[in-house]
Amino acid sequence: TGFTKSIQMVQHIYKNDGELAASHKCVVAWMDLCL
C-alpha cells in the first residue's frame, strides 16, 4: 500500500465449477479502539 500500517487484501470469488465470479480488493489497517 505504500504505508507501513496498512495492507491490501485481495479476494477472489469462484463459482462451484471453478469459474471466477468476482475479484475484491480492500486496504485494511488496525486501530487502537481507546485512542
ModelCIF file with pLDDT and N, C-alpha, C, O atoms, coordinates in Angstrom:
data_MODEL
#
_entry.id   MODEL 
#
_entity.id                         1 
_entity.type                       polymer 
_entity.pdbx_number_of_molecules   1 
#
_entity_poly.entity_id                      1 
_entity_poly.type                           'polypeptide(L)' 
_entity_poly.nstd_linkage                   no 
_entity_poly.nstd_monomer                   no 
_entity_poly.pdbx_seq_one_letter_code       TGFTKSIQMVQHIYKNDGELAASHKCVVAWMDLCL 
_entity_poly.pdbx_seq_one_letter_code_can   TGFTKSIQMVQHIYKNDGELAASHKCVVAWMDLCL 
_entity_poly.pdbx_strand_id                 A 
#
loop_
_entity_poly_seq.entity_id 
_entity_poly_seq.num 
_entity_poly_seq.mon_id 
_entity_poly_seq.hetero 
1 1  THR n 
1 2  GLY n 
1 3  PHE n 
1 4  THR n 
1 5  LYS n 
1 6  SER n 
1 7  ILE n 
1 8  GLN n 
1 9  MET n 
1 10 VAL n 
1 11 GLN n 
1 12 HIS n 
1 13 ILE n 
1 14 TYR n 
1 15 LYS n 
1 16 ASN n 
1 17 ASP n 
1 18 GLY n 
1 19 GLU n 
1 20 LEU n 
1 21 ALA n 
1 22 ALA n 
1 23 SER n 
1 24 HIS n 
1 25 LYS n 
1 26 CYS n 
1 27 VAL n 
1 28 VAL n 
1 29 ALA n 
1 30 TRP n 
1 31 MET n 
1 32 ASP n 
1 33 LEU n 
1 34 CYS n 
1 35 LEU n 
#
_struct_asym.id          A 
_struct_asym.entity_id   1 
#
loop_
_ma_qa_metric.id 
_ma_qa_metric.mode 
_ma_qa_metric.name 
_ma_qa_metric.software_group_id 
_ma_qa_metric.type 
1 global pLDDT . pLDDT 
2 local  pLDDT . pLDDT 
#
_ma_qa_metric_global.metric_id      1 
_ma_qa_metric_global.metric_value   96.63 
_ma_qa_metric_global.model_id       1 
_ma_qa_metric_global.ordinal_id     1 
#
loop_
_ma_qa_metric_local.label_asym_id 
_ma_qa_metric_local.label_comp_id 
_ma_qa_metric_local.label_seq_id 
_ma_qa_metric_local.metric_id 
_ma_qa_metric_local.metric_value 
_ma_qa_metric_local.model_id 
_ma_qa_metric_local.ordinal_id 
A THR 1  2 94.00 1 1  
A GLY 2  2 92.00 1 2  
A PHE 3  2 93.00 1 3  
A THR 4  2 93.00 1 4  
A LYS 5  2 96.00 1 5  
A SER 6  2 97.00 1 6  
A ILE 7  2 97.00 1 7  
A GLN 8  2 97.00 1 8  
A MET 9  2 97.00 1 9  
A VAL 10 2 97.00 1 10 
A GLN 11 2 98.00 1 11 
A HIS 12 2 98.00 1 12 
A ILE 13 2 98.00 1 13 
A TYR 14 2 98.00 1 14 
A LYS 15 2 97.00 1 15 
A ASN 16 2 95.00 1 16 
A ASP 17 2 96.00 1 17 
A GLY 18 2 95.00 1 18 
A GLU 19 2 97.00 1 19 
A LEU 20 2 97.00 1 20 
A ALA 21 2 98.00 1 21 
A ALA 22 2 98.00 1 22 
A SER 23 2 97.00 1 23 
A HIS 24 2 98.00 1 24 
A LYS 25 2 98.00 1 25 
A CYS 26 2 98.00 1 26 
A VAL 27 2 98.00 1 27 
A VAL 28 2 97.00 1 28 
A ALA 29 2 97.00 1 29 
A TRP 30 2 97.00 1 30 
A MET 31 2 98.00 1 31 
A ASP 32 2 97.00 1 32 
A LEU 33 2 96.00 1 33 
A CYS 34 2 96.00 1 34 
A LEU 35 2 97.00 1 35 
#
loop_
_atom_site.group_PDB 
_atom_site.id 
_atom_site.type_symbol 
_atom_site.label_atom_id 
_atom_site.label_alt_id 
_atom_site.label_comp_id 
_atom_site.label_asym_id 
_atom_site.label_entity_id 
_atom_site.label_seq_id 
_atom_site.pdbx_PDB_ins_code 
_atom_site.Cartn_x 
_atom_site.Cartn_y 
_atom_site.Cartn_z 
_atom_site.occupancy 
_atom_site.B_iso_or_equiv 
_atom_site.pdbx_formal_charge 
_atom_site.auth_seq_id 
_atom_site.auth_comp_id 
_atom_site.auth_asym_id 
_atom_site.auth_atom_id 
_atom_site.pdbx_PDB_model_num 
ATOM 1   N N  . THR A 1 1  ? 0.814   -1.221  0.000   1.00 94.00 ? 1  THR A N  1 
ATOM 2   C CA . THR A 1 1  ? 0.000   0.000   0.000   1.00 94.00 ? 1  THR A CA 1 
ATOM 3   C C  . THR A 1 1  ? 0.845   1.267   0.000   1.00 94.00 ? 1  THR A C  1 
ATOM 4   O O  . THR A 1 1  ? 0.335   2.351   -0.284  1.00 94.00 ? 1  THR A O  1 
ATOM 5   N N  . GLY A 1 2  ? 2.143   1.142   0.318   1.00 92.00 ? 2  GLY A N  1 
ATOM 6   C CA . GLY A 1 2  ? 2.989   2.326   0.434   1.00 92.00 ? 2  GLY A CA 1 
ATOM 7   C C  . GLY A 1 2  ? 2.930   2.935   1.824   1.00 92.00 ? 2  GLY A C  1 
ATOM 8   O O  . GLY A 1 2  ? 3.550   3.967   2.081   1.00 92.00 ? 2  GLY A O  1 
ATOM 9   N N  . PHE A 1 3  ? 2.185   2.297   2.726   1.00 93.00 ? 3  PHE A N  1 
ATOM 10  C CA . PHE A 1 3  ? 2.030   2.770   4.105   1.00 93.00 ? 3  PHE A CA 1 
ATOM 11  C C  . PHE A 1 3  ? 2.309   1.575   5.002   1.00 93.00 ? 3  PHE A C  1 
ATOM 12  O O  . PHE A 1 3  ? 1.667   0.536   4.853   1.00 93.00 ? 3  PHE A O  1 
ATOM 13  N N  . THR A 1 4  ? 3.247   1.697   5.927   1.00 93.00 ? 4  THR A N  1 
ATOM 14  C CA . THR A 1 4  ? 3.665   0.554   6.750   1.00 93.00 ? 4  THR A CA 1 
ATOM 15  C C  . THR A 1 4  ? 2.596   0.079   7.733   1.00 93.00 ? 4  THR A C  1 
ATOM 16  O O  . THR A 1 4  ? 2.743   -0.987  8.332   1.00 93.00 ? 4  THR A O  1 
ATOM 17  N N  . LYS A 1 5  ? 1.526   0.849   7.907   1.00 96.00 ? 5  LYS A N  1 
ATOM 18  C CA . LYS A 1 5  ? 0.479   0.471   8.855   1.00 96.00 ? 5  LYS A CA 1 
ATOM 19  C C  . LYS A 1 5  ? -0.772  -0.083  8.180   1.00 96.00 ? 5  LYS A C  1 
ATOM 20  O O  . LYS A 1 5  ? -1.802  -0.247  8.834   1.00 96.00 ? 5  LYS A O  1 
ATOM 21  N N  . SER A 1 6  ? -0.697  -0.372  6.883   1.00 97.00 ? 6  SER A N  1 
ATOM 22  C CA . SER A 1 6  ? -1.860  -0.945  6.196   1.00 97.00 ? 6  SER A CA 1 
ATOM 23  C C  . SER A 1 6  ? -1.404  -2.022  5.223   1.00 97.00 ? 6  SER A C  1 
ATOM 24  O O  . SER A 1 6  ? -0.241  -2.077  4.824   1.00 97.00 ? 6  SER A O  1 
ATOM 25  N N  . ILE A 1 7  ? -2.350  -2.871  4.854   1.00 97.00 ? 7  ILE A N  1 
ATOM 26  C CA . ILE A 1 7  ? -2.106  -3.932  3.879   1.00 97.00 ? 7  ILE A CA 1 
ATOM 27  C C  . ILE A 1 7  ? -3.252  -3.940  2.879   1.00 97.00 ? 7  ILE A C  1 
ATOM 28  O O  . ILE A 1 7  ? -4.336  -3.419  3.143   1.00 97.00 ? 7  ILE A O  1 
ATOM 29  N N  . GLN A 1 8  ? -2.987  -4.540  1.732   1.00 97.00 ? 8  GLN A N  1 
ATOM 30  C CA . GLN A 1 8  ? -4.063  -4.784  0.774   1.00 97.00 ? 8  GLN A CA 1 
ATOM 31  C C  . GLN A 1 8  ? -4.364  -6.273  0.785   1.00 97.00 ? 8  GLN A C  1 
ATOM 32  O O  . GLN A 1 8  ? -3.466  -7.104  0.654   1.00 97.00 ? 8  GLN A O  1 
ATOM 33  N N  . MET A 1 9  ? -5.635  -6.593  0.942   1.00 97.00 ? 9  MET A N  1 
ATOM 34  C CA . MET A 1 9  ? -6.092  -7.967  0.819   1.00 97.00 ? 9  MET A CA 1 
ATOM 35  C C  . MET A 1 9  ? -6.837  -8.083  -0.499  1.00 97.00 ? 9  MET A C  1 
ATOM 36  O O  . MET A 1 9  ? -7.623  -7.208  -0.860  1.00 97.00 ? 9  MET A O  1 
ATOM 37  N N  . VAL A 1 10 ? -6.583  -9.173  -1.213  1.00 97.00 ? 10 VAL A N  1 
ATOM 38  C CA . VAL A 1 10 ? -7.284  -9.464  -2.453  1.00 97.00 ? 10 VAL A CA 1 
ATOM 39  C C  . VAL A 1 10 ? -8.080  -10.738 -2.221  1.00 97.00 ? 10 VAL A C  1 
ATOM 40  O O  . VAL A 1 10 ? -7.581  -11.706 -1.648  1.00 97.00 ? 10 VAL A O  1 
ATOM 41  N N  . GLN A 1 11 ? -9.313  -10.718 -2.674  1.00 98.00 ? 11 GLN A N  1 
ATOM 42  C CA . GLN A 1 11 ? -10.153 -11.896 -2.544  1.00 98.00 ? 11 GLN A CA 1 
ATOM 43  C C  . GLN A 1 11 ? -10.741 -12.236 -3.907  1.00 98.00 ? 11 GLN A C  1 
ATOM 44  O O  . GLN A 1 11 ? -11.101 -11.357 -4.689  1.00 98.00 ? 11 GLN A O  1 
ATOM 45  N N  . HIS A 1 12 ? -10.826 -13.523 -4.164  1.00 98.00 ? 12 HIS A N  1 
ATOM 46  C CA . HIS A 1 12 ? -11.455 -13.995 -5.385  1.00 98.00 ? 12 HIS A CA 1 
ATOM 47  C C  . HIS A 1 12 ? -12.654 -14.837 -5.002  1.00 98.00 ? 12 HIS A C  1 
ATOM 48  O O  . HIS A 1 12 ? -12.605 -15.624 -4.056  1.00 98.00 ? 12 HIS A O  1 
ATOM 49  N N  . ILE A 1 13 ? -13.719 -14.662 -5.742  1.00 98.00 ? 13 ILE A N  1 
ATOM 50  C CA . ILE A 1 13 ? -14.945 -15.418 -5.522  1.00 98.00 ? 13 ILE A CA 1 
ATOM 51  C C  . ILE A 1 13 ? -15.114 -16.339 -6.725  1.00 98.00 ? 13 ILE A C  1 
ATOM 52  O O  . ILE A 1 13 ? -15.278 -15.884 -7.857  1.00 98.00 ? 13 ILE A O  1 
ATOM 53  N N  . TYR A 1 14 ? -15.071 -17.631 -6.461  1.00 98.00 ? 14 TYR A N  1 
ATOM 54  C CA . TYR A 1 14 ? -15.174 -18.637 -7.521  1.00 98.00 ? 14 TYR A CA 1 
ATOM 55  C C  . TYR A 1 14 ? -16.506 -19.360 -7.432  1.00 98.00 ? 14 TYR A C  1 
ATOM 56  O O  . TYR A 1 14 ? -16.980 -19.683 -6.343  1.00 98.00 ? 14 TYR A O  1 
ATOM 57  N N  . LYS A 1 15 ? -17.104 -19.611 -8.584  1.00 97.00 ? 15 LYS A N  1 
ATOM 58  C CA . LYS A 1 15 ? -18.305 -20.432 -8.654  1.00 97.00 ? 15 LYS A CA 1 
ATOM 59  C C  . LYS A 1 15 ? -17.893 -21.895 -8.440  1.00 97.00 ? 15 LYS A C  1 
ATOM 60  O O  . LYS A 1 15 ? -16.709 -22.229 -8.476  1.00 97.00 ? 15 LYS A O  1 
ATOM 61  N N  . ASN A 1 16 ? -18.881 -22.751 -8.219  1.00 95.00 ? 16 ASN A N  1 
ATOM 62  C CA . ASN A 1 16 ? -18.623 -24.158 -7.912  1.00 95.00 ? 16 ASN A CA 1 
ATOM 63  C C  . ASN A 1 16 ? -17.831 -24.872 -9.003  1.00 95.00 ? 16 ASN A C  1 
ATOM 64  O O  . ASN A 1 16 ? -17.118 -25.834 -8.717  1.00 95.00 ? 16 ASN A O  1 
ATOM 65  N N  . ASP A 1 17 ? -17.947 -24.413 -10.253 1.00 96.00 ? 17 ASP A N  1 
ATOM 66  C CA . ASP A 1 17 ? -17.214 -25.040 -11.359 1.00 96.00 ? 17 ASP A CA 1 
ATOM 67  C C  . ASP A 1 17 ? -15.799 -24.477 -11.516 1.00 96.00 ? 17 ASP A C  1 
ATOM 68  O O  . ASP A 1 17 ? -15.090 -24.834 -12.457 1.00 96.00 ? 17 ASP A O  1 
ATOM 69  N N  . GLY A 1 18 ? -15.383 -23.591 -10.591 1.00 95.00 ? 18 GLY A N  1 
ATOM 70  C CA . GLY A 1 18 ? -14.053 -23.002 -10.640 1.00 95.00 ? 18 GLY A CA 1 
ATOM 71  C C  . GLY A 1 18 ? -13.967 -21.700 -11.415 1.00 95.00 ? 18 GLY A C  1 
ATOM 72  O O  . GLY A 1 18 ? -12.907 -21.076 -11.454 1.00 95.00 ? 18 GLY A O  1 
ATOM 73  N N  . GLU A 1 19 ? -15.064 -21.275 -12.034 1.00 97.00 ? 19 GLU A N  1 
ATOM 74  C CA . GLU A 1 19 ? -15.073 -20.030 -12.806 1.00 97.00 ? 19 GLU A CA 1 
ATOM 75  C C  . GLU A 1 19 ? -15.023 -18.824 -11.864 1.00 97.00 ? 19 GLU A C  1 
ATOM 76  O O  . GLU A 1 19 ? -15.714 -18.794 -10.846 1.00 97.00 ? 19 GLU A O  1 
ATOM 77  N N  . LEU A 1 20 ? -14.214 -17.849 -12.208 1.00 97.00 ? 20 LEU A N  1 
ATOM 78  C CA . LEU A 1 20 ? -14.093 -16.633 -11.413 1.00 97.00 ? 20 LEU A CA 1 
ATOM 79  C C  . LEU A 1 20 ? -15.354 -15.791 -11.557 1.00 97.00 ? 20 LEU A C  1 
ATOM 80  O O  . LEU A 1 20 ? -15.719 -15.409 -12.668 1.00 97.00 ? 20 LEU A O  1 
ATOM 81  N N  . ALA A 1 21 ? -16.022 -15.498 -10.443 1.00 98.00 ? 21 ALA A N  1 
ATOM 82  C CA . ALA A 1 21 ? -17.234 -14.681 -10.454 1.00 98.00 ? 21 ALA A CA 1 
ATOM 83  C C  . ALA A 1 21 ? -16.916 -13.220 -10.159 1.00 98.00 ? 21 ALA A C  1 
ATOM 84  O O  . ALA A 1 21 ? -17.550 -12.326 -10.719 1.00 98.00 ? 21 ALA A O  1 
ATOM 85  N N  . ALA A 1 22 ? -15.932 -12.964 -9.277  1.00 98.00 ? 22 ALA A N  1 
ATOM 86  C CA . ALA A 1 22 ? -15.595 -11.586 -8.920  1.00 98.00 ? 22 ALA A CA 1 
ATOM 87  C C  . ALA A 1 22 ? -14.235 -11.549 -8.237  1.00 98.00 ? 22 ALA A C  1 
ATOM 88  O O  . ALA A 1 22 ? -13.768 -12.540 -7.676  1.00 98.00 ? 22 ALA A O  1 
ATOM 89  N N  . SER A 1 23 ? -13.613 -10.372 -8.303  1.00 97.00 ? 23 SER A N  1 
ATOM 90  C CA . SER A 1 23 ? -12.373 -10.091 -7.578  1.00 97.00 ? 23 SER A CA 1 
ATOM 91  C C  . SER A 1 23 ? -12.638 -8.879  -6.695  1.00 97.00 ? 23 SER A C  1 
ATOM 92  O O  . SER A 1 23 ? -13.293 -7.921  -7.105  1.00 97.00 ? 23 SER A O  1 
ATOM 93  N N  . HIS A 1 24 ? -12.122 -8.943  -5.492  1.00 98.00 ? 24 HIS A N  1 
ATOM 94  C CA . HIS A 1 24 ? -12.406 -7.918  -4.488  1.00 98.00 ? 24 HIS A CA 1 
ATOM 95  C C  . HIS A 1 24 ? -11.079 -7.497  -3.856  1.00 98.00 ? 24 HIS A C  1 
ATOM 96  O O  . HIS A 1 24 ? -10.285 -8.344  -3.449  1.00 98.00 ? 24 HIS A O  1 
ATOM 97  N N  . LYS A 1 25 ? -10.844 -6.195  -3.777  1.00 98.00 ? 25 LYS A N  1 
ATOM 98  C CA . LYS A 1 25 ? -9.636  -5.663  -3.135  1.00 98.00 ? 25 LYS A CA 1 
ATOM 99  C C  . LYS A 1 25 ? -10.048 -4.755  -1.995  1.00 98.00 ? 25 LYS A C  1 
ATOM 100 O O  . LYS A 1 25 ? -11.040 -4.032  -2.089  1.00 98.00 ? 25 LYS A O  1 
ATOM 101 N N  . CYS A 1 26 ? -9.279  -4.796  -0.918  1.00 98.00 ? 26 CYS A N  1 
ATOM 102 C CA . CYS A 1 26 ? -9.511  -3.828  0.156   1.00 98.00 ? 26 CYS A CA 1 
ATOM 103 C C  . CYS A 1 26 ? -8.192  -3.492  0.838   1.00 98.00 ? 26 CYS A C  1 
ATOM 104 O O  . CYS A 1 26 ? -7.258  -4.294  0.848   1.00 98.00 ? 26 CYS A O  1 
ATOM 105 N N  . VAL A 1 27 ? -8.134  -2.300  1.403   1.00 98.00 ? 27 VAL A N  1 
ATOM 106 C CA . VAL A 1 27 ? -6.986  -1.845  2.173   1.00 98.00 ? 27 VAL A CA 1 
ATOM 107 C C  . VAL A 1 27 ? -7.430  -1.804  3.633   1.00 98.00 ? 27 VAL A C  1 
ATOM 108 O O  . VAL A 1 27 ? -8.423  -1.165  3.982   1.00 98.00 ? 27 VAL A O  1 
ATOM 109 N N  . VAL A 1 28 ? -6.664  -2.508  4.481   1.00 97.00 ? 28 VAL A N  1 
ATOM 110 C CA . VAL A 1 28 ? -7.025  -2.704  5.879   1.00 97.00 ? 28 VAL A CA 1 
ATOM 111 C C  . VAL A 1 28 ? -5.889  -2.234  6.778   1.00 97.00 ? 28 VAL A C  1 
ATOM 112 O O  . VAL A 1 28 ? -4.713  -2.386  6.446   1.00 97.00 ? 28 VAL A O  1 
ATOM 113 N N  . ALA A 1 29 ? -6.256  -1.661  7.918   1.00 97.00 ? 29 ALA A N  1 
ATOM 114 C CA . ALA A 1 29 ? -5.303  -1.292  8.960   1.00 97.00 ? 29 ALA A CA 1 
ATOM 115 C C  . ALA A 1 29 ? -5.935  -1.667  10.304  1.00 97.00 ? 29 ALA A C  1 
ATOM 116 O O  . ALA A 1 29 ? -7.061  -2.161  10.354  1.00 97.00 ? 29 ALA A O  1 
ATOM 117 N N  . TRP A 1 30 ? -5.200  -1.427  11.384  1.00 97.00 ? 30 TRP A N  1 
ATOM 118 C CA . TRP A 1 30 ? -5.722  -1.722  12.718  1.00 97.00 ? 30 TRP A CA 1 
ATOM 119 C C  . TRP A 1 30 ? -5.733  -0.458  13.559  1.00 97.00 ? 30 TRP A C  1 
ATOM 120 O O  . TRP A 1 30 ? -4.825  0.369   13.480  1.00 97.00 ? 30 TRP A O  1 
ATOM 121 N N  . MET A 1 31 ? -6.779  -0.325  14.368  1.00 98.00 ? 31 MET A N  1 
ATOM 122 C CA . MET A 1 31 ? -6.989  0.866   15.168  1.00 98.00 ? 31 MET A CA 1 
ATOM 123 C C  . MET A 1 31 ? -6.988  0.518   16.656  1.00 98.00 ? 31 MET A C  1 
ATOM 124 O O  . MET A 1 31 ? -7.577  -0.478  17.074  1.00 98.00 ? 31 MET A O  1 
ATOM 125 N N  . ASP A 1 32 ? -6.325  1.347   17.438  1.00 97.00 ? 32 ASP A N  1 
ATOM 126 C CA . ASP A 1 32 ? -6.445  1.280   18.890  1.00 97.00 ? 32 ASP A CA 1 
ATOM 127 C C  . ASP A 1 32 ? -7.815  1.870   19.213  1.00 97.00 ? 32 ASP A C  1 
ATOM 128 O O  . ASP A 1 32 ? -8.051  3.053   18.972  1.00 97.00 ? 32 ASP A O  1 
ATOM 129 N N  . LEU A 1 33 ? -8.708  1.064   19.749  1.00 96.00 ? 33 LEU A N  1 
ATOM 130 C CA . LEU A 1 33 ? -10.094 1.485   19.957  1.00 96.00 ? 33 LEU A CA 1 
ATOM 131 C C  . LEU A 1 33 ? -10.259 2.473   21.103  1.00 96.00 ? 33 LEU A C  1 
ATOM 132 O O  . LEU A 1 33 ? -11.286 3.146   21.190  1.00 96.00 ? 33 LEU A O  1 
ATOM 133 N N  . CYS A 1 34 ? -9.261  2.573   21.991  1.00 96.00 ? 34 CYS A N  1 
ATOM 134 C CA . CYS A 1 34 ? -9.313  3.581   23.057  1.00 96.00 ? 34 CYS A CA 1 
ATOM 135 C C  . CYS A 1 34 ? -8.787  4.925   22.560  1.00 96.00 ? 34 CYS A C  1 
ATOM 136 O O  . CYS A 1 34 ? -9.412  5.963   22.778  1.00 96.00 ? 34 CYS A O  1 
ATOM 137 N N  . LEU A 1 35 ? -7.633  4.898   21.890  1.00 97.00 ? 35 LEU A N  1 
ATOM 138 C CA . LEU A 1 35 ? -7.019  6.130   21.391  1.00 97.00 ? 35 LEU A CA 1 
ATOM 139 C C  . LEU A 1 35 ? -7.641  6.612   20.090  1.00 97.00 ? 35 LEU A C  1 
ATOM 140 O O  . LEU A 1 35 ? -7.227  7.638   19.550  1.00 97.00 ? 35 LEU A O  1 
#
